[in-house]
Amino acid sequence: MDPFLKALNEVIHSWAELSKEWGLIEPDYSDRLSEGYPFNKDFNEIVHELIEWKEKLHNISKG
């Protein structure tokens, strides 16, 4: 489980960085960003939910 949690943590870090960059360009490119957006939630919500999921998995693995 540890390698999976490590990979998940790396994904969260990458998505958090992407979210930060998104915020910087959103005022100028919101139409383009929303075009074909593959999720039905705000990007920041997804990052937050990934963090919560990681914490739950970590607690389960340490059981």
Protein backbone atom coordinates (compact mmCIF):
# COMPACT_ATOMS: atom_id res chain seq x y z
CA MET A 1 0.00 0.00 0.00
CA ASP A 2 2.88 2.39 0.68
CA PRO A 3 3.96 2.64 -2.98
CA PHE A 4 0.36 3.41 -3.95
CA LEU A 5 0.06 6.10 -1.29
CA LYS A 6 3.36 7.60 -2.40
CA ALA A 7 2.15 7.71 -6.02
CA LEU A 8 -1.18 9.20 -4.91
CA ASN A 9 0.68 11.87 -2.96
CA GLU A 10 2.69 12.74 -6.06
CA VAL A 11 -0.53 13.03 -8.08
CA ILE A 12 -2.04 15.32 -5.46
CA HIS A 13 1.05 17.49 -5.49
CA SER A 14 0.98 17.71 -9.30
CA TRP A 15 -2.74 18.49 -9.38
CA ALA A 16 -2.29 21.16 -6.71
CA GLU A 17 0.39 22.79 -8.87
CA LEU A 18 -1.89 22.55 -11.91
CA SER A 19 -4.70 24.11 -9.89
CA LYS A 20 -2.42 27.00 -8.95
CA GLU A 21 -1.49 27.59 -12.59
CA TRP A 22 -5.16 27.27 -13.57
CA GLY A 23 -6.02 30.06 -11.17
CA LEU A 24 -3.43 32.31 -12.77
CA ILE A 25 -4.76 31.92 -16.31
CA GLU A 26 -8.46 31.45 -15.61
CA PRO A 27 -9.39 35.14 -15.84
CA ASP A 28 -8.12 35.25 -19.42
CA TYR A 29 -8.89 31.72 -20.58
CA SER A 30 -11.97 30.54 -18.66
CA ASP A 31 -13.90 29.76 -21.84
CA ARG A 32 -11.09 27.67 -23.25
CA LEU A 33 -10.48 25.89 -19.94
CA SER A 34 -14.12 24.92 -19.57
CA GLU A 35 -14.37 23.65 -23.14
CA GLY A 36 -14.22 19.86 -22.92
CA TYR A 37 -13.53 19.91 -19.16
CA PRO A 38 -13.77 16.20 -18.26
CA PHE A 39 -15.02 16.48 -14.68
CA ASN A 40 -18.38 17.40 -13.18
CA LYS A 41 -16.76 19.18 -10.21
CA ASP A 42 -14.56 22.18 -9.64
CA PHE A 43 -10.89 21.26 -10.03
CA ASN A 44 -10.10 22.38 -6.47
CA GLU A 45 -12.84 20.10 -5.14
CA ILE A 46 -11.23 17.16 -6.88
CA VAL A 47 -7.85 17.95 -5.34
CA HIS A 48 -9.46 18.25 -1.91
CA GLU A 49 -11.30 14.94 -2.33
CA LEU A 50 -8.07 13.23 -3.40
CA ILE A 51 -6.43 14.48 -0.20
CA GLU A 52 -9.31 13.15 1.90
CA TRP A 53 -9.19 9.80 0.10
CA LYS A 54 -5.43 9.55 0.69
CA GLU A 55 -5.91 10.21 4.40
CA LYS A 56 -8.60 7.51 4.64
CA LEU A 57 -6.40 5.02 2.81
CA HIS A 58 -3.46 5.90 5.02
CA ASN A 59 -5.54 5.29 8.16
CA ILE A 60 -6.81 1.97 6.79
CA SER A 61 -3.31 0.80 5.89
CA LYS A 62 -1.99 1.64 9.36
CA GLY A 63 -5.14 0.01 10.80
